[in-house]
Amino acid sequence: MVRAFVSAALTILVLIGTIVLVVTRPRGLSEGIAATAGTIAVLLVGTATLGDVWQGIVGTAPVLIFLIAMMFVATIAEDAGCFEWAAERAVAWSRNDGRLLFVNLYALGALVTIFLSLDVTAIVLAPIVCALIRRTRLSPLPYVVSCAYVANTASLFLPVSNLTNMLAYSLLAMPFNAFVRVMTLPNLAAMCVNLLVFFVLFRRNIPIRFEPYPLPVLSSSEFDQRRLRRTAAGLVAVVIALLVFGALGWPLYIPAVAGALLLAPPSLLLREIDANRLVRSVAWALPLFVVGMYTILVGADRAGLGVFWRSFVAGAAADPGGWGYLKIAVGTAISSNLVNNLPTALVMITSLGAVVPPATRSALAFASLVGTNVGSNVTVFGSLATMLVLGTARRYGIQVSAFQYVGIGLVTVPLMVLTATLVLWGGVH
């Protein structure tokens, strides 16, 4: 009895310690190394086994293959100037209206997030937005914060938009068409609330007019137009193929891998991109992180943490009306902001699979995604995308304090989560 208690306590400490390391990243420690160290620890404690590690690899392999392939595709598109070109259009179409520029950049971030994932928005688009804002001499706060928000808020539309979506979609065998049909309106509602609240909060920071920057972000003399057109066409083809494969219920990693194989060889042969640059662009720590966290959470589940979550999920599933949906969304939002949204999503997926009948599982999974995606915007460590965007802003000399970010989140996020959840419940019923 004492040995079991000690093992359980040690496993919970390992989980907490791993999350702290992932969030704080001491001396640049990668999340993959932190999760691997945690995995070794729970294996030594005995609450997880090598079989659990293998199950984590097998269960998440399609998701991870998809993400790695899409990182290759996004890097090739970035180097070809696709995202800079899109940012230029956002500026040109704003006609020096600060409010319209704000909407245009938010819309651009939403499109990138929806079709290429929030990681592309955080890693590729955020630096472009920061450079653009510095050149236009606008107040950076609303534009940087909206970039972080849209990466999370717009990630409900498609399974491919967020790793949390992909895990729920894959591990709970959720139909692609149902995912898109159910989540479109809640996501649109959350985005509309997001924009409305931001226009109120930042009404003094977003100017009616702004002076155009002296030089364009990208000029036609600086890159090969044919390369841009070819890469853009390939990127569009990948997006269309993802939608077709999803609608037909086929594996999503196939068009992603095909897109990488289609775009990479010409770029490498024509020396448009360096092989080392392409390899370095992939977050190779991500598979270690996902499999490691899966294993640690399996151990934590056996240590007793799962009892709490399964009780919470079962109670929410039994609630009448929309209260159960709201409990799930709020609960996962709170957890995401305290311990990050990816561990929260993994715990919720496991709990839903264990205690909720298949007939109602998907609906509650959708509510949990509202919490992990939209609801993770309160703290600076609620989502890895938020951490990446704010880290990029700091490299450009733009400071957004944790206090500022939390203050904005406490006003904005509850309204977004409440609205999205109510729209979700209304759509499901």
Protein backbone atom coordinates (compact mmCIF):
# COMPACT_ATOMS: atom_id res chain seq x y z
CA MET A 1 0.00 0.00 0.00
CA VAL A 2 2.81 2.41 0.96
CA ARG A 3 4.74 1.47 -2.17
CA ALA A 4 1.71 2.20 -4.38
CA PHE A 5 1.21 5.55 -2.67
CA VAL A 6 4.86 6.51 -3.15
CA SER A 7 4.75 5.47 -6.84
CA ALA A 8 1.60 7.52 -7.39
CA ALA A 9 3.06 10.58 -5.64
CA LEU A 10 6.30 10.34 -7.61
CA THR A 11 4.41 10.04 -10.90
CA ILE A 12 2.34 13.14 -10.19
CA LEU A 13 5.54 15.01 -9.29
CA VAL A 14 7.10 13.87 -12.57
CA LEU A 15 4.08 15.18 -14.48
CA ILE A 16 4.20 18.54 -12.71
CA GLY A 17 7.97 18.80 -13.15
CA THR A 18 7.75 17.99 -16.86
CA ILE A 19 5.10 20.64 -17.45
CA VAL A 20 7.19 23.21 -15.55
CA LEU A 21 10.22 22.39 -17.71
CA VAL A 22 8.17 22.59 -20.92
CA VAL A 23 6.73 25.97 -19.97
CA THR A 24 9.88 27.60 -18.54
CA ARG A 25 12.43 25.99 -20.94
CA PRO A 26 15.46 26.56 -18.67
CA ARG A 27 18.60 27.28 -20.74
CA GLY A 28 16.66 26.59 -23.92
CA LEU A 29 15.77 23.03 -22.94
CA SER A 30 13.47 21.62 -25.62
CA GLU A 31 10.05 20.25 -24.78
CA GLY A 32 11.09 16.94 -26.35
CA ILE A 33 14.00 16.46 -23.94
CA ALA A 34 11.82 17.43 -20.98
CA ALA A 35 9.13 14.91 -21.97
CA THR A 36 11.71 12.19 -22.65
CA ALA A 37 13.24 12.71 -19.20
CA GLY A 38 9.75 12.50 -17.69
CA THR A 39 9.06 9.29 -19.62
CA ILE A 40 12.22 7.67 -18.31
CA ALA A 41 11.23 8.71 -14.81
CA VAL A 42 7.75 7.13 -14.95
CA LEU A 43 9.24 3.98 -16.47
CA LEU A 44 11.64 3.76 -13.54
CA VAL A 45 8.83 4.45 -11.05
CA GLY A 46 6.84 1.64 -12.67
CA THR A 47 3.55 3.38 -13.40
CA ALA A 48 4.21 3.20 -17.17
CA THR A 49 5.78 0.52 -19.35
CA LEU A 50 7.62 0.25 -22.65
CA GLY A 51 4.34 -1.07 -24.04
CA ASP A 52 2.74 2.29 -23.21
CA VAL A 53 5.54 4.06 -25.08
CA TRP A 54 4.96 1.84 -28.11
CA GLN A 55 1.23 2.46 -27.93
CA GLY A 56 1.91 6.19 -27.86
CA ILE A 57 4.11 5.89 -30.96
CA VAL A 58 1.56 3.80 -32.87
CA GLY A 59 -1.43 5.90 -31.81
CA THR A 60 0.11 9.27 -32.70
CA ALA A 61 2.25 8.26 -35.71
CA PRO A 62 -0.24 9.44 -38.39
CA VAL A 63 -0.57 12.80 -36.63
CA LEU A 64 3.17 13.27 -36.27
CA ILE A 65 3.94 12.24 -39.86
CA PHE A 66 1.35 14.76 -41.04
CA LEU A 67 2.80 17.56 -38.92
CA ILE A 68 6.40 16.93 -40.00
CA ALA A 69 5.42 16.84 -43.68
CA MET A 70 3.46 20.09 -43.32
CA MET A 71 6.48 21.73 -41.67
CA PHE A 72 8.48 20.94 -44.81
CA VAL A 73 5.71 22.37 -46.99
CA ALA A 74 5.41 25.55 -44.90
CA THR A 75 9.17 26.13 -44.91
CA ILE A 76 9.36 25.84 -48.70
CA ALA A 77 6.40 28.23 -49.04
CA GLU A 78 8.03 30.65 -46.59
CA ASP A 79 11.34 30.71 -48.47
CA ALA A 80 9.50 31.21 -51.77
CA GLY A 81 7.89 34.38 -50.40
CA CYS A 82 4.29 33.16 -50.22
CA PHE A 83 3.60 34.57 -46.77
CA GLU A 84 5.42 37.87 -47.42
CA TRP A 85 3.35 38.30 -50.57
CA ALA A 86 0.15 37.69 -48.59
CA ALA A 87 1.22 40.23 -45.95
CA GLU A 88 1.90 42.79 -48.67
CA ARG A 89 -1.60 42.30 -50.00
CA ALA A 90 -3.02 42.78 -46.49
CA VAL A 91 -1.22 46.14 -46.26
CA ALA A 92 -2.16 47.23 -49.79
CA TRP A 93 -5.83 46.37 -49.30
CA SER A 94 -5.97 48.31 -46.03
CA ARG A 95 -5.37 51.61 -47.91
CA ASN A 96 -3.55 53.02 -44.88
CA ASP A 97 -6.56 52.41 -42.62
CA GLY A 98 -5.26 51.01 -39.31
CA ARG A 99 -8.57 49.33 -38.49
CA LEU A 100 -8.76 47.61 -41.87
CA LEU A 101 -5.13 46.54 -41.55
CA PHE A 102 -5.97 44.98 -38.19
CA VAL A 103 -8.86 43.03 -39.74
CA ASN A 104 -6.77 42.03 -42.78
CA LEU A 105 -3.91 40.67 -40.67
CA TYR A 106 -6.37 38.83 -38.44
CA ALA A 107 -8.01 37.31 -41.52
CA LEU A 108 -4.62 36.33 -42.95
CA GLY A 109 -3.67 34.68 -39.66
CA ALA A 110 -7.01 32.85 -39.62
CA LEU A 111 -6.52 31.48 -43.15
CA VAL A 112 -2.98 30.32 -42.39
CA THR A 113 -4.11 28.73 -39.12
CA ILE A 114 -7.14 27.00 -40.63
CA PHE A 115 -5.42 25.43 -43.62
CA LEU A 116 -1.77 25.12 -42.51
CA SER A 117 -2.06 24.94 -38.68
CA LEU A 118 -1.48 27.38 -35.85
CA ASP A 119 2.21 26.42 -35.74
CA VAL A 120 2.74 27.99 -39.15
CA THR A 121 1.02 31.16 -37.92
CA ALA A 122 3.21 31.25 -34.83
CA ILE A 123 6.52 30.34 -36.47
CA VAL A 124 6.23 31.84 -39.96
CA LEU A 125 3.58 34.57 -39.96
CA ALA A 126 4.36 36.16 -36.57
CA PRO A 127 7.84 37.40 -37.64
CA ILE A 128 6.34 38.94 -40.79
CA VAL A 129 3.66 40.72 -38.77
CA CYS A 130 6.22 42.01 -36.26
CA ALA A 131 8.52 43.32 -39.02
CA LEU A 132 5.58 44.93 -40.80
CA ILE A 133 4.34 46.67 -37.66
CA ARG A 134 7.81 47.98 -36.88
CA ARG A 135 8.05 49.47 -40.39
CA THR A 136 4.63 51.11 -40.21
CA ARG A 137 5.43 52.50 -36.74
CA LEU A 138 2.05 51.42 -35.43
CA SER A 139 1.42 50.53 -31.80
CA PRO A 140 2.48 46.85 -31.80
CA LEU A 141 0.33 45.62 -28.88
CA PRO A 142 -3.00 44.98 -30.68
CA TYR A 143 -1.37 43.42 -33.74
CA VAL A 144 0.96 41.10 -31.82
CA VAL A 145 -1.72 40.01 -29.35
CA SER A 146 -4.19 39.38 -32.19
CA CYS A 147 -1.56 37.23 -33.93
CA ALA A 148 -1.26 35.08 -30.81
CA TYR A 149 -5.03 34.93 -30.37
CA VAL A 150 -5.89 34.06 -33.96
CA ALA A 151 -3.40 31.18 -33.90
CA ASN A 152 -5.47 29.57 -31.15
CA THR A 153 -8.94 30.95 -31.83
CA ALA A 154 -9.10 30.11 -35.54
CA SER A 155 -7.83 26.58 -34.99
CA LEU A 156 -11.24 24.95 -34.49
CA PHE A 157 -12.30 24.77 -38.14
CA LEU A 158 -10.40 21.72 -39.38
CA PRO A 159 -8.70 18.72 -37.78
CA VAL A 160 -5.44 19.90 -39.39
CA SER A 161 -5.58 23.35 -37.77
CA ASN A 162 -4.20 22.30 -34.39
CA LEU A 163 -2.33 19.38 -32.85
CA THR A 164 -5.08 19.09 -30.21
CA ASN A 165 -7.62 18.67 -33.03
CA MET A 166 -5.49 16.07 -34.77
CA LEU A 167 -5.11 14.03 -31.60
CA ALA A 168 -8.86 14.08 -30.89
CA TYR A 169 -9.63 13.36 -34.55
CA SER A 170 -7.19 10.44 -34.68
CA LEU A 171 -7.50 8.86 -31.23
CA LEU A 172 -11.30 9.19 -31.02
CA ALA A 173 -11.87 8.35 -34.72
CA MET A 174 -13.92 11.49 -35.33
CA PRO A 175 -15.41 11.90 -38.85
CA PHE A 176 -13.79 14.74 -40.83
CA ASN A 177 -17.06 15.98 -42.33
CA ALA A 178 -18.76 16.05 -38.94
CA PHE A 179 -15.80 17.93 -37.47
CA VAL A 180 -16.01 20.66 -40.10
CA ARG A 181 -19.81 20.85 -40.04
CA VAL A 182 -20.07 21.12 -36.25
CA MET A 183 -17.09 23.39 -35.54
CA THR A 184 -17.44 26.00 -38.29
CA LEU A 185 -20.13 28.14 -36.63
CA PRO A 186 -18.63 28.01 -33.09
CA ASN A 187 -15.27 29.03 -34.53
CA LEU A 188 -16.77 31.89 -36.53
CA ALA A 189 -18.63 33.04 -33.42
CA ALA A 190 -15.46 32.98 -31.32
CA MET A 191 -13.55 34.94 -33.96
CA CYS A 192 -16.28 37.58 -34.26
CA VAL A 193 -16.34 38.06 -30.48
CA ASN A 194 -12.54 38.20 -30.47
CA LEU A 195 -12.48 41.00 -33.06
CA LEU A 196 -15.29 42.98 -31.42
CA VAL A 197 -13.70 42.86 -27.96
CA PHE A 198 -10.28 43.76 -29.35
CA PHE A 199 -11.67 46.77 -31.19
CA VAL A 200 -13.06 47.97 -27.86
CA LEU A 201 -9.93 47.17 -25.82
CA PHE A 202 -7.51 48.59 -28.39
CA ARG A 203 -9.61 51.50 -29.65
CA ARG A 204 -6.84 53.95 -28.66
CA ASN A 205 -4.04 51.79 -30.10
CA ILE A 206 -5.47 51.15 -33.56
CA PRO A 207 -5.30 54.36 -35.61
CA ILE A 208 -7.84 55.41 -38.19
CA ARG A 209 -4.98 56.27 -40.56
CA PHE A 210 -1.31 55.28 -40.61
CA GLU A 211 1.66 56.38 -42.67
CA PRO A 212 2.78 53.80 -45.24
CA TYR A 213 6.23 52.39 -44.63
CA PRO A 214 8.91 53.66 -47.01
CA LEU A 215 9.86 50.29 -48.44
CA PRO A 216 7.64 47.30 -49.18
CA VAL A 217 8.05 44.12 -47.20
CA LEU A 218 8.84 42.36 -50.43
CA SER A 219 9.72 43.79 -53.84
CA SER A 220 9.48 41.98 -57.14
CA SER A 221 13.23 42.30 -57.68
CA GLU A 222 14.09 40.32 -54.56
CA PHE A 223 12.74 36.92 -55.47
CA ASP A 224 11.84 34.72 -58.39
CA GLN A 225 8.25 35.29 -59.42
CA ARG A 226 8.07 31.93 -61.15
CA ARG A 227 9.22 30.21 -57.99
CA LEU A 228 6.54 32.03 -56.03
CA ARG A 229 3.81 31.03 -58.46
CA ARG A 230 4.98 27.42 -58.61
CA THR A 231 5.19 27.08 -54.84
CA ALA A 232 1.88 28.84 -54.27
CA ALA A 233 0.21 26.48 -56.74
CA GLY A 234 1.71 23.50 -54.92
CA LEU A 235 0.56 24.89 -51.58
CA VAL A 236 -2.99 25.35 -52.84
CA ALA A 237 -2.92 21.81 -54.26
CA VAL A 238 -1.89 20.41 -50.87
CA VAL A 239 -4.73 22.27 -49.11
CA ILE A 240 -7.30 21.06 -51.63
CA ALA A 241 -6.01 17.50 -51.35
CA LEU A 242 -6.28 17.65 -47.56
CA LEU A 243 -9.91 18.72 -47.81
CA VAL A 244 -10.69 16.00 -50.37
CA PHE A 245 -8.94 13.26 -48.39
CA GLY A 246 -10.68 14.39 -45.22
CA ALA A 247 -14.09 14.41 -46.88
CA LEU A 248 -13.48 10.88 -48.19
CA GLY A 249 -12.23 9.64 -44.81
CA TRP A 250 -8.75 8.87 -46.10
CA PRO A 251 -5.55 9.41 -44.04
CA LEU A 252 -4.54 13.06 -43.99
CA TYR A 253 -0.82 12.36 -43.84
CA ILE A 254 -0.87 11.07 -47.43
CA PRO A 255 -1.48 14.45 -49.15
CA ALA A 256 0.84 16.14 -46.66
CA VAL A 257 3.70 13.75 -47.46
CA ALA A 258 2.88 13.94 -51.18
CA GLY A 259 2.99 17.74 -51.01
CA ALA A 260 6.39 17.69 -49.32
CA LEU A 261 7.70 15.25 -51.95
CA LEU A 262 6.23 17.40 -54.72
CA LEU A 263 7.70 20.71 -53.53
CA ALA A 264 11.02 19.73 -51.96
CA PRO A 265 12.93 18.10 -54.89
CA PRO A 266 12.58 21.03 -57.34
CA SER A 267 13.54 23.52 -54.62
CA LEU A 268 16.60 21.47 -53.67
CA LEU A 269 17.68 20.69 -57.24
CA LEU A 270 17.37 24.33 -58.29
CA ARG A 271 19.19 25.37 -55.09
CA GLU A 272 16.29 27.56 -54.07
CA ILE A 273 16.50 26.21 -50.53
CA ASP A 274 19.35 24.67 -48.60
CA ALA A 275 18.93 21.06 -47.42
CA ASN A 276 20.22 21.96 -43.96
CA ARG A 277 17.70 24.80 -43.71
CA LEU A 278 14.91 22.40 -44.67
CA VAL A 279 15.94 19.81 -42.11
CA ARG A 280 16.40 22.38 -39.36
CA SER A 281 12.93 23.80 -40.02
CA VAL A 282 11.27 20.70 -38.60
CA ALA A 283 10.52 20.64 -34.87
CA TRP A 284 12.05 17.21 -34.37
CA ALA A 285 11.42 17.53 -30.64
CA LEU A 286 7.66 17.40 -31.26
CA PRO A 287 7.38 13.59 -31.64
CA LEU A 288 9.40 13.12 -28.45
CA PHE A 289 7.13 15.61 -26.69
CA VAL A 290 3.85 14.07 -27.84
CA VAL A 291 4.85 10.44 -27.19
CA GLY A 292 6.54 11.40 -23.93
CA MET A 293 3.54 13.32 -22.61
CA TYR A 294 1.23 10.48 -23.67
CA THR A 295 3.31 8.01 -21.66
CA ILE A 296 3.58 10.28 -18.63
CA LEU A 297 -0.16 10.85 -18.62
CA VAL A 298 -0.80 7.10 -18.86
CA GLY A 299 1.33 6.75 -15.74
CA ALA A 300 -0.48 9.64 -14.05
CA ASP A 301 -3.78 8.03 -14.95
CA ARG A 302 -2.74 4.84 -13.17
CA ALA A 303 -1.51 6.92 -10.26
CA GLY A 304 -5.03 8.25 -9.68
CA LEU A 305 -5.20 11.45 -11.72
CA GLY A 306 -7.50 9.77 -14.21
CA VAL A 307 -10.09 9.13 -11.50
CA PHE A 308 -10.62 12.87 -11.07
CA TRP A 309 -10.85 13.58 -14.79
CA ARG A 310 -13.13 10.64 -15.55
CA SER A 311 -15.41 11.68 -12.69
CA PHE A 312 -15.48 15.23 -14.02
CA VAL A 313 -16.23 14.07 -17.58
CA ALA A 314 -18.89 11.60 -16.50
CA GLY A 315 -20.61 14.26 -14.38
CA ALA A 316 -20.56 16.77 -17.25
CA ALA A 317 -21.92 14.17 -19.68
CA ALA A 318 -24.87 13.55 -17.36
CA ASP A 319 -25.80 17.24 -17.09
CA PRO A 320 -28.89 18.28 -19.04
CA GLY A 321 -28.95 20.95 -21.72
CA GLY A 322 -25.82 22.88 -22.47
CA TRP A 323 -24.43 22.80 -18.93
CA GLY A 324 -22.36 19.71 -19.61
CA TYR A 325 -20.81 21.30 -22.70
CA LEU A 326 -20.06 24.46 -20.76
CA LYS A 327 -18.48 22.54 -17.88
CA ILE A 328 -16.21 20.66 -20.27
CA ALA A 329 -15.22 23.83 -22.14
CA VAL A 330 -14.58 25.86 -18.98
CA GLY A 331 -12.80 22.99 -17.22
CA THR A 332 -10.42 22.37 -20.11
CA ALA A 333 -9.87 26.13 -20.54
CA ILE A 334 -8.84 26.49 -16.89
CA SER A 335 -6.59 23.43 -17.10
CA SER A 336 -5.03 24.65 -20.35
CA ASN A 337 -4.10 27.97 -18.82
CA LEU A 338 -2.63 26.30 -15.75
CA VAL A 339 -0.72 23.39 -17.29
CA ASN A 340 -0.78 24.03 -21.10
CA ASN A 341 -3.41 22.88 -23.56
CA LEU A 342 -1.67 19.83 -25.06
CA PRO A 343 -1.44 17.82 -21.80
CA THR A 344 -5.01 18.90 -21.07
CA ALA A 345 -6.17 17.66 -24.48
CA LEU A 346 -4.46 14.30 -24.03
CA VAL A 347 -6.02 13.79 -20.59
CA MET A 348 -9.45 14.80 -21.88
CA ILE A 349 -9.22 12.51 -24.92
CA THR A 350 -8.26 9.58 -22.71
CA SER A 351 -11.08 10.32 -20.26
CA LEU A 352 -13.70 10.71 -22.99
CA GLY A 353 -12.66 7.43 -24.53
CA ALA A 354 -12.92 5.69 -21.17
CA VAL A 355 -16.26 6.87 -19.74
CA VAL A 356 -18.41 8.47 -22.46
CA PRO A 357 -20.48 6.36 -24.89
CA PRO A 358 -19.60 6.80 -28.59
CA ALA A 359 -22.99 8.42 -29.27
CA THR A 360 -22.15 11.51 -27.18
CA ARG A 361 -18.33 11.32 -27.19
CA SER A 362 -17.76 13.51 -30.24
CA ALA A 363 -20.00 16.33 -29.01
CA LEU A 364 -18.16 16.54 -25.69
CA ALA A 365 -14.83 16.27 -27.50
CA PHE A 366 -15.83 19.33 -29.53
CA ALA A 367 -16.60 21.19 -26.29
CA SER A 368 -13.20 20.21 -24.90
CA LEU A 369 -11.52 21.62 -28.03
CA VAL A 370 -13.28 24.93 -27.47
CA GLY A 371 -11.61 24.96 -24.06
CA THR A 372 -8.14 23.85 -25.18
CA ASN A 373 -8.01 26.00 -28.32
CA VAL A 374 -10.05 29.15 -27.69
CA GLY A 375 -9.85 28.97 -23.90
CA SER A 376 -6.06 28.68 -23.71
CA ASN A 377 -5.54 32.38 -24.51
CA VAL A 378 -5.53 33.73 -20.95
CA THR A 379 -1.97 32.94 -19.85
CA VAL A 380 1.23 33.26 -21.85
CA PHE A 381 1.94 29.52 -21.42
CA GLY A 382 -1.56 28.20 -22.12
CA SER A 383 -0.52 27.29 -25.66
CA LEU A 384 2.88 26.71 -27.26
CA ALA A 385 1.71 28.93 -30.14
CA THR A 386 1.23 31.84 -27.74
CA MET A 387 4.71 31.33 -26.33
CA LEU A 388 6.20 31.26 -29.84
CA VAL A 389 4.42 34.45 -30.97
CA LEU A 390 5.38 36.42 -27.86
CA GLY A 391 8.94 35.08 -28.08
CA THR A 392 9.14 36.32 -31.68
CA ALA A 393 7.81 39.71 -30.61
CA ARG A 394 10.57 40.00 -27.99
CA ARG A 395 13.21 39.35 -30.65
CA TYR A 396 11.80 42.36 -32.53
CA GLY A 397 11.96 44.50 -29.41
CA ILE A 398 8.21 44.31 -28.79
CA GLN A 399 7.38 43.55 -25.16
CA VAL A 400 4.02 42.15 -24.07
CA SER A 401 4.12 41.44 -20.35
CA ALA A 402 2.44 38.44 -18.79
CA PHE A 403 0.34 40.87 -16.73
CA GLN A 404 -0.87 42.68 -19.86
CA TYR A 405 -1.66 39.41 -21.60
CA VAL A 406 -3.60 37.97 -18.66
CA GLY A 407 -5.58 41.20 -18.29
CA ILE A 408 -6.61 41.05 -21.95
CA GLY A 409 -7.43 37.35 -21.63
CA LEU A 410 -9.63 37.71 -18.56
CA VAL A 411 -11.85 40.13 -20.48
CA THR A 412 -11.82 38.40 -23.87
CA VAL A 413 -11.60 34.64 -23.33
CA PRO A 414 -14.68 34.04 -21.13
CA LEU A 415 -16.87 35.77 -23.73
CA MET A 416 -15.35 33.74 -26.57
CA VAL A 417 -15.65 30.40 -24.74
CA LEU A 418 -19.23 31.10 -23.64
CA THR A 419 -20.32 32.18 -27.13
CA ALA A 420 -18.58 29.32 -28.94
CA THR A 421 -19.96 26.74 -26.49
CA LEU A 422 -23.53 27.99 -26.78
CA VAL A 423 -23.31 27.99 -30.58
CA LEU A 424 -21.81 24.49 -30.45
CA TRP A 425 -24.62 23.21 -28.22
CA GLY A 426 -27.25 24.83 -30.40
CA GLY A 427 -25.72 23.28 -33.52
CA VAL A 428 -25.45 19.80 -32.06
CA HIS A 429 -29.05 19.86 -30.81
